């Protein structure tokens, strides 16, 4: 969900609103990050962190959500 939200925010900043393009980019990003995410150390994701991610309007805000 965090990767998907990152893509949505990034594309919105670039004025991309076509849902097909957004979904395609999400799929590409998940594929590109698959190995990196497997190697990523686990971090407990709390309900408040997810709420923060959902409300983030910029990638800086999103980054702050995941730094807790």
N, C-alpha and C. Protein backbone atom coordinates (compact mmCIF):
# COMPACT_ATOMS: atom_id res chain seq x y z
N UNK A 1 0.81 -1.19 0.00
CA UNK A 1 0.00 0.00 0.00
C UNK A 1 0.86 1.27 0.00
N UNK A 2 1.98 1.20 0.71
CA UNK A 2 2.85 2.37 0.78
C UNK A 2 3.44 2.68 -0.60
N UNK A 3 3.84 1.65 -1.31
CA UNK A 3 4.38 1.85 -2.67
C UNK A 3 3.30 2.42 -3.58
N UNK A 4 2.11 1.87 -3.49
CA UNK A 4 1.00 2.37 -4.32
C UNK A 4 0.72 3.84 -4.03
N UNK A 5 0.71 4.19 -2.76
CA UNK A 5 0.45 5.59 -2.39
C UNK A 5 1.54 6.51 -2.91
N UNK A 6 2.78 6.04 -2.82
CA UNK A 6 3.91 6.82 -3.35
C UNK A 6 3.69 7.10 -4.84
N UNK A 7 3.32 6.08 -5.59
CA UNK A 7 3.09 6.25 -7.03
C UNK A 7 1.96 7.25 -7.28
N UNK A 8 0.86 7.11 -6.54
CA UNK A 8 -0.26 8.03 -6.73
C UNK A 8 0.15 9.49 -6.49
N UNK A 9 0.87 9.72 -5.40
CA UNK A 9 1.30 11.08 -5.07
C UNK A 9 2.27 11.61 -6.12
N UNK A 10 3.21 10.78 -6.53
CA UNK A 10 4.21 11.21 -7.51
C UNK A 10 3.56 11.56 -8.85
N UNK A 11 2.65 10.72 -9.31
CA UNK A 11 2.00 10.98 -10.60
C UNK A 11 1.07 12.18 -10.51
N UNK A 12 0.38 12.34 -9.39
CA UNK A 12 -0.48 13.51 -9.23
C UNK A 12 0.35 14.79 -9.30
N UNK A 13 1.55 14.77 -8.72
CA UNK A 13 2.44 15.94 -8.78
C UNK A 13 2.84 16.24 -10.22
N UNK A 14 2.87 15.21 -11.05
CA UNK A 14 3.21 15.37 -12.47
C UNK A 14 1.96 15.61 -13.33
N UNK A 15 0.81 15.79 -12.67
CA UNK A 15 -0.47 16.05 -13.33
C UNK A 15 -0.98 14.87 -14.15
N UNK A 16 -0.57 13.65 -13.77
CA UNK A 16 -1.07 12.43 -14.41
C UNK A 16 -2.28 11.97 -13.62
N UNK A 17 -3.43 11.87 -14.29
CA UNK A 17 -4.67 11.49 -13.61
C UNK A 17 -5.36 10.27 -14.23
N UNK A 18 -4.86 9.78 -15.34
CA UNK A 18 -5.48 8.63 -16.00
C UNK A 18 -5.32 7.39 -15.12
N UNK A 19 -6.44 6.80 -14.66
CA UNK A 19 -6.37 5.63 -13.77
C UNK A 19 -5.59 4.45 -14.36
N UNK A 20 -5.68 4.27 -15.68
CA UNK A 20 -4.95 3.17 -16.32
C UNK A 20 -3.44 3.38 -16.22
N UNK A 21 -3.00 4.59 -16.45
CA UNK A 21 -1.57 4.90 -16.35
C UNK A 21 -1.10 4.74 -14.91
N UNK A 22 -1.90 5.21 -13.97
CA UNK A 22 -1.54 5.10 -12.56
C UNK A 22 -1.41 3.64 -12.15
N UNK A 23 -2.40 2.83 -12.53
CA UNK A 23 -2.36 1.40 -12.18
C UNK A 23 -1.17 0.71 -12.84
N UNK A 24 -0.90 1.04 -14.10
CA UNK A 24 0.24 0.45 -14.80
C UNK A 24 1.55 0.78 -14.07
N UNK A 25 1.68 2.01 -13.64
CA UNK A 25 2.90 2.43 -12.94
C UNK A 25 3.03 1.74 -11.59
N UNK A 26 1.90 1.52 -10.91
CA UNK A 26 1.93 0.78 -9.64
C UNK A 26 2.47 -0.63 -9.85
N UNK A 27 1.96 -1.29 -10.88
CA UNK A 27 2.40 -2.65 -11.19
C UNK A 27 3.89 -2.65 -11.51
N UNK A 28 4.34 -1.71 -12.31
CA UNK A 28 5.76 -1.62 -12.66
C UNK A 28 6.63 -1.38 -11.43
N UNK A 29 6.18 -0.49 -10.56
CA UNK A 29 6.95 -0.15 -9.36
C UNK A 29 7.05 -1.36 -8.43
N UNK A 30 5.94 -2.05 -8.24
CA UNK A 30 5.97 -3.25 -7.38
C UNK A 30 6.92 -4.29 -7.96
N UNK A 31 6.89 -4.46 -9.27
CA UNK A 31 7.77 -5.42 -9.93
C UNK A 31 9.23 -4.99 -9.77
N UNK A 32 9.51 -3.72 -9.99
CA UNK A 32 10.88 -3.21 -9.90
C UNK A 32 11.44 -3.30 -8.48
N UNK A 33 10.58 -3.17 -7.49
CA UNK A 33 11.03 -3.17 -6.09
C UNK A 33 10.92 -4.52 -5.40
N UNK A 34 10.44 -5.51 -6.11
CA UNK A 34 10.16 -6.82 -5.51
C UNK A 34 11.35 -7.36 -4.71
N UNK A 35 12.52 -7.41 -5.32
CA UNK A 35 13.70 -7.95 -4.63
C UNK A 35 14.15 -7.06 -3.49
N UNK A 36 14.08 -5.75 -3.70
CA UNK A 36 14.47 -4.81 -2.64
C UNK A 36 13.55 -4.95 -1.42
N UNK A 37 12.27 -5.11 -1.66
CA UNK A 37 11.33 -5.23 -0.56
C UNK A 37 11.53 -6.53 0.21
N UNK A 38 11.90 -7.59 -0.49
CA UNK A 38 12.18 -8.86 0.19
C UNK A 38 13.38 -8.72 1.12
N UNK A 39 14.36 -7.93 0.72
CA UNK A 39 15.58 -7.76 1.50
C UNK A 39 15.43 -6.70 2.59
N UNK A 40 14.34 -5.99 2.56
CA UNK A 40 14.12 -4.90 3.51
C UNK A 40 13.87 -5.46 4.91
N UNK A 41 14.53 -4.88 5.91
CA UNK A 41 14.28 -5.37 7.27
C UNK A 41 12.83 -5.09 7.67
N UNK A 42 12.23 -6.02 8.34
CA UNK A 42 10.84 -5.88 8.74
C UNK A 42 10.65 -4.74 9.73
N UNK A 43 9.53 -4.08 9.60
CA UNK A 43 9.17 -3.02 10.52
C UNK A 43 7.68 -3.14 10.76
N UNK A 44 7.30 -3.12 12.01
CA UNK A 44 5.89 -3.24 12.35
C UNK A 44 5.15 -2.02 11.79
N UNK A 45 4.08 -2.29 11.07
CA UNK A 45 3.28 -1.22 10.50
C UNK A 45 2.03 -1.08 11.35
N UNK A 46 1.88 0.06 11.97
CA UNK A 46 0.76 0.30 12.86
C UNK A 46 -0.42 0.90 12.11
N UNK A 47 -1.57 0.86 12.77
CA UNK A 47 -2.77 1.47 12.19
C UNK A 47 -2.56 2.97 12.00
N UNK A 48 -1.89 3.60 12.96
CA UNK A 48 -1.66 5.05 12.84
C UNK A 48 -0.72 5.36 11.68
N UNK A 49 0.26 4.49 11.43
CA UNK A 49 1.16 4.69 10.29
C UNK A 49 0.37 4.59 8.98
N UNK A 50 -0.49 3.59 8.88
CA UNK A 50 -1.30 3.44 7.66
C UNK A 50 -2.23 4.62 7.47
N UNK A 51 -2.81 5.12 8.55
CA UNK A 51 -3.68 6.29 8.45
C UNK A 51 -2.88 7.49 7.96
N UNK A 52 -1.68 7.64 8.45
CA UNK A 52 -0.80 8.73 8.02
C UNK A 52 -0.50 8.60 6.52
N UNK A 53 -0.18 7.39 6.08
CA UNK A 53 0.12 7.15 4.66
C UNK A 53 -1.08 7.51 3.80
N UNK A 54 -2.27 7.12 4.23
CA UNK A 54 -3.48 7.43 3.46
C UNK A 54 -3.73 8.93 3.35
N UNK A 55 -3.35 9.68 4.38
CA UNK A 55 -3.61 11.12 4.40
C UNK A 55 -2.48 11.94 3.77
N UNK A 56 -1.33 11.35 3.57
CA UNK A 56 -0.19 12.09 3.03
C UNK A 56 -0.53 12.67 1.66
N UNK A 57 -0.12 13.90 1.47
CA UNK A 57 -0.38 14.58 0.20
C UNK A 57 0.90 14.80 -0.61
N UNK A 58 2.04 14.60 0.02
CA UNK A 58 3.33 14.72 -0.67
C UNK A 58 4.20 13.53 -0.28
N UNK A 59 5.24 13.29 -1.06
CA UNK A 59 6.12 12.19 -0.71
C UNK A 59 6.96 12.51 0.52
N UNK A 60 7.18 13.78 0.82
CA UNK A 60 7.85 14.15 2.07
C UNK A 60 6.98 13.76 3.26
N UNK A 61 5.69 14.03 3.17
CA UNK A 61 4.76 13.63 4.24
C UNK A 61 4.73 12.11 4.36
N UNK A 62 4.70 11.43 3.24
CA UNK A 62 4.69 9.97 3.23
C UNK A 62 5.94 9.42 3.90
N UNK A 63 7.06 10.01 3.60
CA UNK A 63 8.32 9.59 4.19
C UNK A 63 8.30 9.75 5.72
N UNK A 64 7.72 10.83 6.19
CA UNK A 64 7.62 11.05 7.64
C UNK A 64 6.75 9.97 8.29
N UNK A 65 5.73 9.52 7.58
CA UNK A 65 4.84 8.48 8.12
C UNK A 65 5.61 7.19 8.38
N UNK A 66 6.55 6.89 7.54
CA UNK A 66 7.26 5.61 7.65
C UNK A 66 8.50 5.71 8.53
N UNK A 67 8.80 6.86 9.05
CA UNK A 67 9.99 7.06 9.90
C UNK A 67 9.68 6.92 11.38
N UNK A 68 8.43 6.66 11.75
CA UNK A 68 8.07 6.56 13.16
C UNK A 68 8.75 5.44 13.85
